[in-house]
Amino acid sequence: MVQAAWGASHSKNTYLASQYRRLVGRRGKKRALIAVGHSLLVIFYHMLKNGTTYADLGGDFFDRLEPERLTRYYVKRLESLGHKVTLQSRVAA
């Protein structure tokens, strides 16, 4: 499962790759791989149980989940680097 998780974590713009990148900073590479492997097992279980196909949530799933939290994180990060940040809403065209 770890080898499958390694392959999934290095694919581009997928849910499992973004999950790996989120976890590797906090937990380390090995634990992140185990977590992605566990997610693969859960996905396989539900696919077999329900007889469905896999529908990837996308690489930006976690960004879409809590956009305000992501905005606060990036503002705080830029301010810690010495920038002054002013946010303006983008007008829909």
PDB file of N, CA and C in Angstrom:
ATOM      1  N   MET A   1       0.818  -1.196   0.000  1.00  0.00           N
ATOM      2  CA  MET A   1       0.000   0.000   0.000  1.00  0.00           C
ATOM      3  C   MET A   1       0.862   1.262   0.000  1.00  0.00           C
ATOM      4  N   VAL A   2       2.017   1.186   0.628  1.00  0.00           N
ATOM      5  CA  VAL A   2       2.882   2.359   0.678  1.00  0.00           C
ATOM      6  C   VAL A   2       3.382   2.701  -0.726  1.00  0.00           C
ATOM      7  N   GLN A   3       3.683   1.706  -1.534  1.00  0.00           N
ATOM      8  CA  GLN A   3       4.135   1.979  -2.895  1.00  0.00           C
ATOM      9  C   GLN A   3       3.018   2.593  -3.729  1.00  0.00           C
ATOM     10  N   ALA A   4       1.794   2.129  -3.542  1.00  0.00           N
ATOM     11  CA  ALA A   4       0.653   2.726  -4.240  1.00  0.00           C
ATOM     12  C   ALA A   4       0.438   4.160  -3.755  1.00  0.00           C
ATOM     13  N   ALA A   5       0.605   4.387  -2.461  1.00  0.00           N
ATOM     14  CA  ALA A   5       0.460   5.734  -1.910  1.00  0.00           C
ATOM     15  C   ALA A   5       1.554   6.648  -2.447  1.00  0.00           C
ATOM     16  N   TRP A   6       2.758   6.116  -2.603  1.00  0.00           N
ATOM     17  CA  TRP A   6       3.869   6.910  -3.143  1.00  0.00           C
ATOM     18  C   TRP A   6       3.548   7.342  -4.577  1.00  0.00           C
ATOM     19  N   GLY A   7       3.039   6.412  -5.365  1.00  0.00           N
ATOM     20  CA  GLY A   7       2.664   6.752  -6.738  1.00  0.00           C
ATOM     21  C   GLY A   7       1.537   7.762  -6.780  1.00  0.00           C
ATOM     22  N   ALA A   8       0.538   7.585  -5.922  1.00  0.00           N
ATOM     23  CA  ALA A   8      -0.599   8.507  -5.884  1.00  0.00           C
ATOM     24  C   ALA A   8      -0.175   9.883  -5.391  1.00  0.00           C
ATOM     25  N   SER A   9       0.777   9.921  -4.480  1.00  0.00           N
ATOM     26  CA  SER A   9       1.205  11.207  -3.927  1.00  0.00           C
ATOM     27  C   SER A   9       2.019  12.018  -4.922  1.00  0.00           C
ATOM     28  N   HIS A  10       2.562  11.380  -5.933  1.00  0.00           N
ATOM     29  CA  HIS A  10       3.361  12.091  -6.921  1.00  0.00           C
ATOM     30  C   HIS A  10       2.612  12.315  -8.228  1.00  0.00           C
ATOM     31  N   SER A  11       1.326  12.048  -8.242  1.00  0.00           N
ATOM     32  CA  SER A  11       0.523  12.391  -9.407  1.00  0.00           C
ATOM     33  C   SER A  11       0.190  13.880  -9.333  1.00  0.00           C
ATOM     34  N   LYS A  12      -0.244  14.450 -10.434  1.00  0.00           N
ATOM     35  CA  LYS A  12      -0.466  15.885 -10.476  1.00  0.00           C
ATOM     36  C   LYS A  12      -1.944  16.219 -10.375  1.00  0.00           C
ATOM     37  N   ASN A  13      -2.245  17.220  -9.581  1.00  0.00           N
ATOM     38  CA  ASN A  13      -3.579  17.787  -9.439  1.00  0.00           C
ATOM     39  C   ASN A  13      -4.627  16.742  -9.043  1.00  0.00           C
ATOM     40  N   THR A  14      -4.311  15.944  -8.011  1.00  0.00           N
ATOM     41  CA  THR A  14      -5.265  14.965  -7.505  1.00  0.00           C
ATOM     42  C   THR A  14      -5.466  15.180  -6.006  1.00  0.00           C
ATOM     43  N   TYR A  15      -6.552  14.641  -5.507  1.00  0.00           N
ATOM     44  CA  TYR A  15      -6.878  14.747  -4.090  1.00  0.00           C
ATOM     45  C   TYR A  15      -5.801  14.086  -3.234  1.00  0.00           C
ATOM     46  N   LEU A  16      -5.365  12.895  -3.623  1.00  0.00           N
ATOM     47  CA  LEU A  16      -4.386  12.170  -2.806  1.00  0.00           C
ATOM     48  C   LEU A  16      -3.037  12.879  -2.781  1.00  0.00           C
ATOM     49  N   ALA A  17      -2.649  13.503  -3.882  1.00  0.00           N
ATOM     50  CA  ALA A  17      -1.389  14.255  -3.904  1.00  0.00           C
ATOM     51  C   ALA A  17      -1.479  15.480  -3.007  1.00  0.00           C
ATOM     52  N   SER A  18      -2.621  16.162  -3.020  1.00  0.00           N
ATOM     53  CA  SER A  18      -2.755  17.335  -2.156  1.00  0.00           C
ATOM     54  C   SER A  18      -2.849  16.918  -0.686  1.00  0.00           C
ATOM     55  N   GLN A  19      -3.457  15.766  -0.413  1.00  0.00           N
ATOM     56  CA  GLN A  19      -3.490  15.267   0.958  1.00  0.00           C
ATOM     57  C   GLN A  19      -2.070  14.964   1.445  1.00  0.00           C
ATOM     58  N   TYR A  20      -1.264  14.346   0.595  1.00  0.00           N
ATOM     59  CA  TYR A  20       0.126  14.049   0.959  1.00  0.00           C
ATOM     60  C   TYR A  20       0.890  15.335   1.256  1.00  0.00           C
ATOM     61  N   ARG A  21       0.756  16.354   0.390  1.00  0.00           N
ATOM     62  CA  ARG A  21       1.481  17.612   0.592  1.00  0.00           C
ATOM     63  C   ARG A  21       1.043  18.320   1.866  1.00  0.00           C
ATOM     64  N   ARG A  22      -0.241  18.227   2.218  1.00  0.00           N
ATOM     65  CA  ARG A  22      -0.715  18.845   3.452  1.00  0.00           C
ATOM     66  C   ARG A  22      -0.110  18.161   4.671  1.00  0.00           C
ATOM     67  N   LEU A  23      -0.005  16.845   4.629  1.00  0.00           N
ATOM     68  CA  LEU A  23       0.439  16.093   5.802  1.00  0.00           C
ATOM     69  C   LEU A  23       1.953  16.029   5.953  1.00  0.00           C
ATOM     70  N   VAL A  24       2.687  16.086   4.856  1.00  0.00           N
ATOM     71  CA  VAL A  24       4.128  15.878   4.932  1.00  0.00           C
ATOM     72  C   VAL A  24       4.827  16.970   5.743  1.00  0.00           C
ATOM     73  N   GLY A  25       4.300  18.172   5.737  1.00  0.00           N
ATOM     74  CA  GLY A  25       4.919  19.246   6.507  1.00  0.00           C
ATOM     75  C   GLY A  25       4.756  19.068   8.003  1.00  0.00           C
ATOM     76  N   ARG A  26       3.630  18.498   8.409  1.00  0.00           N
ATOM     77  CA  ARG A  26       3.360  18.335   9.845  1.00  0.00           C
ATOM     78  C   ARG A  26       3.824  16.992  10.380  1.00  0.00           C
ATOM     79  N   ARG A  27       3.654  15.937   9.595  1.00  0.00           N
ATOM     80  CA  ARG A  27       3.884  14.583  10.099  1.00  0.00           C
ATOM     81  C   ARG A  27       5.151  13.911   9.589  1.00  0.00           C
ATOM     82  N   GLY A  28       5.670  14.381   8.470  1.00  0.00           N
ATOM     83  CA  GLY A  28       6.830  13.731   7.877  1.00  0.00           C
ATOM     84  C   GLY A  28       6.400  12.845   6.714  1.00  0.00           C
ATOM     85  N   LYS A  29       7.384  12.449   5.903  1.00  0.00           N
ATOM     86  CA  LYS A  29       7.087  11.705   4.684  1.00  0.00           C
ATOM     87  C   LYS A  29       6.491  10.326   4.942  1.00  0.00           C
ATOM     88  N   LYS A  30       7.052   9.605   5.883  1.00  0.00           N
ATOM     89  CA  LYS A  30       6.589   8.236   6.104  1.00  0.00           C
ATOM     90  C   LYS A  30       5.162   8.187   6.650  1.00  0.00           C
ATOM     91  N   ARG A  31       4.865   9.031   7.604  1.00  0.00           N
ATOM     92  CA  ARG A  31       3.507   9.046   8.162  1.00  0.00           C
ATOM     93  C   ARG A  31       2.496   9.570   7.155  1.00  0.00           C
ATOM     94  N   ALA A  32       2.909  10.516   6.325  1.00  0.00           N
ATOM     95  CA  ALA A  32       2.015  11.013   5.282  1.00  0.00           C
ATOM     96  C   ALA A  32       1.704   9.904   4.278  1.00  0.00           C
ATOM     97  N   LEU A  33       2.693   9.095   3.943  1.00  0.00           N
ATOM     98  CA  LEU A  33       2.457   7.980   3.033  1.00  0.00           C
ATOM     99  C   LEU A  33       1.506   6.951   3.637  1.00  0.00           C
ATOM    100  N   ILE A  34       1.655   6.679   4.920  1.00  0.00           N
ATOM    101  CA  ILE A  34       0.750   5.742   5.591  1.00  0.00           C
ATOM    102  C   ILE A  34      -0.676   6.291   5.577  1.00  0.00           C
ATOM    103  N   ALA A  35      -0.839   7.590   5.789  1.00  0.00           N
ATOM    104  CA  ALA A  35      -2.167   8.201   5.779  1.00  0.00           C
ATOM    105  C   ALA A  35      -2.787   8.134   4.386  1.00  0.00           C
ATOM    106  N   VAL A  36      -1.992   8.384   3.351  1.00  0.00           N
ATOM    107  CA  VAL A  36      -2.508   8.294   1.981  1.00  0.00           C
ATOM    108  C   VAL A  36      -2.842   6.842   1.650  1.00  0.00           C
ATOM    109  N   GLY A  37      -2.033   5.900   2.110  1.00  0.00           N
ATOM    110  CA  GLY A  37      -2.338   4.484   1.923  1.00  0.00           C
ATOM    111  C   GLY A  37      -3.640   4.100   2.600  1.00  0.00           C
ATOM    112  N   HIS A  38      -3.870   4.620   3.782  1.00  0.00           N
ATOM    113  CA  HIS A  38      -5.130   4.369   4.487  1.00  0.00           C
ATOM    114  C   HIS A  38      -6.304   4.946   3.705  1.00  0.00           C
ATOM    115  N   SER A  39      -6.125   6.133   3.158  1.00  0.00           N
ATOM    116  CA  SER A  39      -7.182   6.731   2.336  1.00  0.00           C
ATOM    117  C   SER A  39      -7.472   5.879   1.109  1.00  0.00           C
ATOM    118  N   LEU A  40      -6.427   5.312   0.514  1.00  0.00           N
ATOM    119  CA  LEU A  40      -6.627   4.416  -0.621  1.00  0.00           C
ATOM    120  C   LEU A  40      -7.452   3.191  -0.227  1.00  0.00           C
ATOM    121  N   LEU A  41      -7.148   2.630   0.930  1.00  0.00           N
ATOM    122  CA  LEU A  41      -7.915   1.473   1.394  1.00  0.00           C
ATOM    123  C   LEU A  41      -9.378   1.829   1.625  1.00  0.00           C
ATOM    124  N   VAL A  42      -9.635   2.987   2.201  1.00  0.00           N
ATOM    125  CA  VAL A  42     -11.010   3.427   2.429  1.00  0.00           C
ATOM    126  C   VAL A  42     -11.722   3.640   1.095  1.00  0.00           C
ATOM    127  N   ILE A  43     -11.028   4.227   0.132  1.00  0.00           N
ATOM    128  CA  ILE A  43     -11.607   4.442  -1.198  1.00  0.00           C
ATOM    129  C   ILE A  43     -11.940   3.100  -1.842  1.00  0.00           C
ATOM    130  N   PHE A  44     -10.997   2.141  -1.795  1.00  0.00           N
ATOM    131  CA  PHE A  44     -11.238   0.825  -2.384  1.00  0.00           C
ATOM    132  C   PHE A  44     -12.412   0.122  -1.721  1.00  0.00           C
ATOM    133  N   TYR A  45     -12.491   0.223  -0.403  1.00  0.00           N
ATOM    134  CA  TYR A  45     -13.588  -0.413   0.333  1.00  0.00           C
ATOM    135  C   TYR A  45     -14.936   0.119  -0.133  1.00  0.00           C
ATOM    136  N   HIS A  46     -15.054   1.435  -0.213  1.00  0.00           N
ATOM    137  CA  HIS A  46     -16.328   2.027  -0.608  1.00  0.00           C
ATOM    138  C   HIS A  46     -16.655   1.751  -2.078  1.00  0.00           C
ATOM    139  N   MET A  47     -15.631   1.667  -2.909  1.00  0.00           N
ATOM    140  CA  MET A  47     -15.871   1.333  -4.313  1.00  0.00           C
ATOM    141  C   MET A  47     -16.413  -0.088  -4.442  1.00  0.00           C
ATOM    142  N   LEU A  48     -15.835  -1.022  -3.686  1.00  0.00           N
ATOM    143  CA  LEU A  48     -16.293  -2.409  -3.747  1.00  0.00           C
ATOM    144  C   LEU A  48     -17.658  -2.586  -3.089  1.00  0.00           C
ATOM    145  N   LYS A  49     -17.868  -1.919  -1.985  1.00  0.00           N
ATOM    146  CA  LYS A  49     -19.124  -2.045  -1.252  1.00  0.00           C
ATOM    147  C   LYS A  49     -20.297  -1.489  -2.047  1.00  0.00           C
ATOM    148  N   ASN A  50     -20.098  -0.310  -2.655  1.00  0.00           N
ATOM    149  CA  ASN A  50     -21.189   0.363  -3.352  1.00  0.00           C
ATOM    150  C   ASN A  50     -21.217   0.081  -4.847  1.00  0.00           C
ATOM    151  N   GLY A  51     -20.198  -0.549  -5.380  1.00  0.00           N
ATOM    152  CA  GLY A  51     -20.141  -0.833  -6.807  1.00  0.00           C
ATOM    153  C   GLY A  51     -20.023   0.411  -7.661  1.00  0.00           C
ATOM    154  N   THR A  52     -19.303   1.417  -7.170  1.00  0.00           N
ATOM    155  CA  THR A  52     -19.152   2.675  -7.896  1.00  0.00           C
ATOM    156  C   THR A  52     -17.739   2.797  -8.447  1.00  0.00           C
ATOM    157  N   THR A  53     -17.536   3.816  -9.255  1.00  0.00           N
ATOM    158  CA  THR A  53     -16.201   4.121  -9.756  1.00  0.00           C
ATOM    159  C   THR A  53     -15.634   5.283  -8.947  1.00  0.00           C
ATOM    160  N   TYR A  54     -14.334   5.466  -9.040  1.00  0.00           N
ATOM    161  CA  TYR A  54     -13.662   6.507  -8.276  1.00  0.00           C
ATOM    162  C   TYR A  54     -13.844   7.852  -8.964  1.00  0.00           C
ATOM    163  N   ALA A  55     -14.281   8.834  -8.211  1.00  0.00           N
ATOM    164  CA  ALA A  55     -14.394  10.208  -8.708  1.00  0.00           C
ATOM    165  C   ALA A  55     -13.467  11.074  -7.865  1.00  0.00           C
ATOM    166  N   ASP A  56     -12.377  11.526  -8.479  1.00  0.00           N
ATOM    167  CA  ASP A  56     -11.385  12.321  -7.757  1.00  0.00           C
ATOM    168  C   ASP A  56     -11.961  13.684  -7.385  1.00  0.00           C
ATOM    169  N   LEU A  57     -11.664  14.140  -6.182  1.00  0.00           N
ATOM    170  CA  LEU A  57     -12.167  15.429  -5.709  1.00  0.00           C
ATOM    171  C   LEU A  57     -11.371  16.606  -6.255  1.00  0.00           C
ATOM    172  N   GLY A  58     -10.201  16.349  -6.779  1.00  0.00           N
ATOM    173  CA  GLY A  58      -9.385  17.407  -7.374  1.00  0.00           C
ATOM    174  C   GLY A  58      -8.296  17.886  -6.433  1.00  0.00           C
ATOM    175  N   GLY A  59      -7.263  18.432  -7.024  1.00  0.00           N
ATOM    176  CA  GLY A  59      -6.123  18.910  -6.250  1.00  0.00           C
ATOM    177  C   GLY A  59      -6.416  20.145  -5.428  1.00  0.00           C
ATOM    178  N   ASP A  60      -7.465  20.879  -5.779  1.00  0.00           N
ATOM    179  CA  ASP A  60      -7.812  22.087  -5.040  1.00  0.00           C
ATOM    180  C   ASP A  60      -8.953  21.870  -4.049  1.00  0.00           C
ATOM    181  N   PHE A  61      -9.229  20.624  -3.704  1.00  0.00           N
ATOM    182  CA  PHE A  61     -10.338  20.319  -2.796  1.00  0.00           C
ATOM    183  C   PHE A  61     -10.164  20.998  -1.447  1.00  0.00           C
ATOM    184  N   PHE A  62      -8.984  20.938  -0.872  1.00  0.00           N
ATOM    185  CA  PHE A  62      -8.763  21.511   0.449  1.00  0.00           C
ATOM    186  C   PHE A  62      -8.797  23.039   0.409  1.00  0.00           C
ATOM    187  N   ASP A  63      -8.415  23.620  -0.731  1.00  0.00           N
ATOM    188  CA  ASP A  63      -8.507  25.075  -0.886  1.00  0.00           C
ATOM    189  C   ASP A  63      -9.966  25.518  -0.964  1.00  0.00           C
ATOM    190  N   ARG A  64     -10.798  24.740  -1.641  1.00  0.00           N
ATOM    191  CA  ARG A  64     -12.214  25.069  -1.767  1.00  0.00           C
ATOM    192  C   ARG A  64     -12.979  24.783  -0.481  1.00  0.00           C
ATOM    193  N   LEU A  65     -12.437  23.934   0.375  1.00  0.00           N
ATOM    194  CA  LEU A  65     -13.127  23.530   1.594  1.00  0.00           C
ATOM    195  C   LEU A  65     -13.289  24.695   2.565  1.00  0.00           C
ATOM    196  N   GLU A  66     -12.225  25.444   2.802  1.00  0.00           N
ATOM    197  CA  GLU A  66     -12.261  26.587   3.718  1.00  0.00           C
ATOM    198  C   GLU A  66     -11.454  27.748   3.122  1.00  0.00           C
ATOM    199  N   PRO A  67     -12.037  28.506   2.191  1.00  0.00           N
ATOM    200  CA  PRO A  67     -11.267  29.570   1.543  1.00  0.00           C
ATOM    201  C   PRO A  67     -10.897  30.713   2.494  1.00  0.00           C
ATOM    202  N   GLU A  68     -11.737  31.008   3.487  1.00  0.00           N
ATOM    203  CA  GLU A  68     -11.413  32.088   4.427  1.00  0.00           C
ATOM    204  C   GLU A  68     -10.187  31.726   5.259  1.00  0.00           C
ATOM    205  N   ARG A  69     -10.100  30.482   5.667  1.00  0.00           N
ATOM    206  CA  ARG A  69      -8.956  30.026   6.446  1.00  0.00           C
ATOM    207  C   ARG A  69      -7.669  30.123   5.625  1.00  0.00           C
ATOM    208  N   LEU A  70      -7.746  29.759   4.360  1.00  0.00           N
ATOM    209  CA  LEU A  70      -6.587  29.835   3.482  1.00  0.00           C
ATOM    210  C   LEU A  70      -6.163  31.283   3.274  1.00  0.00           C
ATOM    211  N   THR A  71      -7.135  32.181   3.149  1.00  0.00           N
ATOM    212  CA  THR A  71      -6.835  33.600   2.993  1.00  0.00           C
ATOM    213  C   THR A  71      -6.122  34.141   4.228  1.00  0.00           C
ATOM    214  N   ARG A  72      -6.644  33.803   5.415  1.00  0.00           N
ATOM    215  CA  ARG A  72      -6.003  34.253   6.654  1.00  0.00           C
ATOM    216  C   ARG A  72      -4.578  33.728   6.756  1.00  0.00           C
ATOM    217  N   TYR A  73      -4.360  32.491   6.351  1.00  0.00           N
ATOM    218  CA  TYR A  73      -3.031  31.888   6.413  1.00  0.00           C
ATOM    219  C   TYR A  73      -2.046  32.652   5.529  1.00  0.00           C
ATOM    220  N   TYR A  74      -2.456  32.945   4.296  1.00  0.00           N
ATOM    221  CA  TYR A  74      -1.549  33.627   3.378  1.00  0.00           C
ATOM    222  C   TYR A  74      -1.308  35.078   3.787  1.00  0.00           C
ATOM    223  N   VAL A  75      -2.314  35.742   4.325  1.00  0.00           N
ATOM    224  CA  VAL A  75      -2.123  37.111   4.813  1.00  0.00           C
ATOM    225  C   VAL A  75      -1.127  37.100   5.968  1.00  0.00           C
ATOM    226  N   LYS A  76      -1.305  36.197   6.893  1.00  0.00           N
ATOM    227  CA  LYS A  76      -0.399  36.094   8.045  1.00  0.00           C
ATOM    228  C   LYS A  76       1.020  35.768   7.591  1.00  0.00           C
ATOM    229  N   ARG A  77       1.132  34.897   6.604  1.00  0.00           N
ATOM    230  CA  ARG A  77       2.446  34.507   6.091  1.00  0.00           C
ATOM    231  C   ARG A  77       3.148  35.695   5.423  1.00  0.00           C
ATOM    232  N   LEU A  78       2.403  36.448   4.611  1.00  0.00           N
ATOM    233  CA  LEU A  78       2.993  37.619   3.963  1.00  0.00           C
ATOM    234  C   LEU A  78       3.383  38.686   4.971  1.00  0.00           C
ATOM    235  N   GLU A  79       2.559  38.892   6.000  1.00  0.00           N
ATOM    236  CA  GLU A  79       2.888  39.879   7.024  1.00  0.00           C
ATOM    237  C   GLU A  79       4.117  39.463   7.818  1.00  0.00           C
ATOM    238  N   SER A  80       4.289  38.170   8.022  1.00  0.00           N
ATOM    239  CA  SER A  80       5.483  37.708   8.735  1.00  0.00           C
ATOM    240  C   SER A  80       6.751  37.902   7.901  1.00  0.00           C
ATOM    241  N   LEU A  81       6.587  38.018   6.580  1.00  0.00           N
ATOM    242  CA  LEU A  81       7.729  38.279   5.702  1.00  0.00           C
ATOM    243  C   LEU A  81       7.999  39.770   5.527  1.00  0.00           C
ATOM    244  N   GLY A  82       7.174  40.616   6.189  1.00  0.00           N
ATOM    245  CA  GLY A  82       7.419  42.047   6.171  1.00  0.00           C
ATOM    246  C   GLY A  82       6.593  42.831   5.170  1.00  0.00           C
ATOM    247  N   HIS A  83       5.553  42.227   4.607  1.00  0.00           N
ATOM    248  CA  HIS A  83       4.703  42.919   3.642  1.00  0.00           C
ATOM    249  C   HIS A  83       3.456  43.461   4.333  1.00  0.00           C
ATOM    250  N   LYS A  84       2.953  44.564   3.790  1.00  0.00           N
ATOM    251  CA  LYS A  84       1.690  45.098   4.248  1.00  0.00           C
ATOM    252  C   LYS A  84       0.618  44.609   3.275  1.00  0.00           C
ATOM    253  N   VAL A  85      -0.416  43.964   3.802  1.00  0.00           N
ATOM    254  CA  VAL A  85      -1.411  43.321   2.951  1.00  0.00           C
ATOM    255  C   VAL A  85      -2.733  44.033   3.073  1.00  0.00           C
ATOM    256  N   THR A  86      -3.315  44.381   1.926  1.00  0.00           N
ATOM    257  CA  THR A  86      -4.646  44.959   1.863  1.00  0.00           C
ATOM    258  C   THR A  86      -5.465  44.108   0.919  1.00  0.00           C
ATOM    259  N   LEU A  87      -6.586  43.594   1.385  1.00  0.00           N
ATOM    260  CA  LEU A  87      -7.419  42.718   0.560  1.00  0.00           C
ATOM    261  C   LEU A  87      -8.583  43.514  -0.035  1.00  0.00           C
ATOM    262  N   GLN A  88      -8.846  43.246  -1.306  1.00  0.00           N
ATOM    263  CA  GLN A  88      -9.986  43.830  -1.989  1.00  0.00           C
ATOM    264  C   GLN A  88     -10.735  42.707  -2.686  1.00  0.00           C
ATOM    265  N   SER A  89     -12.051  42.741  -2.615  1.00  0.00           N
ATOM    266  CA  SER A  89     -12.850  41.734  -3.299  1.00  0.00           C
ATOM    267  C   SER A  89     -12.789  41.975  -4.792  1.00  0.00           C
ATOM    268  N   ARG A  90     -12.716  40.887  -5.538  1.00  0.00           N
ATOM    269  CA  ARG A  90     -12.688  40.979  -6.990  1.00  0.00           C
ATOM    270  C   ARG A  90     -14.125  41.035  -7.492  1.00  0.00           C
ATOM    271  N   VAL A  91     -14.421  42.004  -8.346  1.00  0.00           N
ATOM    272  CA  VAL A  91     -15.768  42.174  -8.881  1.00  0.00           C
ATOM    273  C   VAL A  91     -15.962  41.166 -10.005  1.00  0.00           C
ATOM    274  N   ALA A  92     -17.073  40.400  -9.927  1.00  0.00           N
ATOM    275  CA  ALA A  92     -17.369  39.417 -10.966  1.00  0.00           C
ATOM    276  C   ALA A  92     -17.733  40.120 -12.265  1.00  0.00           C
ATOM    277  N   ALA A  93     -17.124  39.677 -13.362  1.00  0.00           N
ATOM    278  CA  ALA A  93     -17.366  40.314 -14.664  1.00  0.00           C
ATOM    279  C   ALA A  93     -18.546  39.692 -15.364  1.00  0.00           C
TER     280      ALA A  93
END
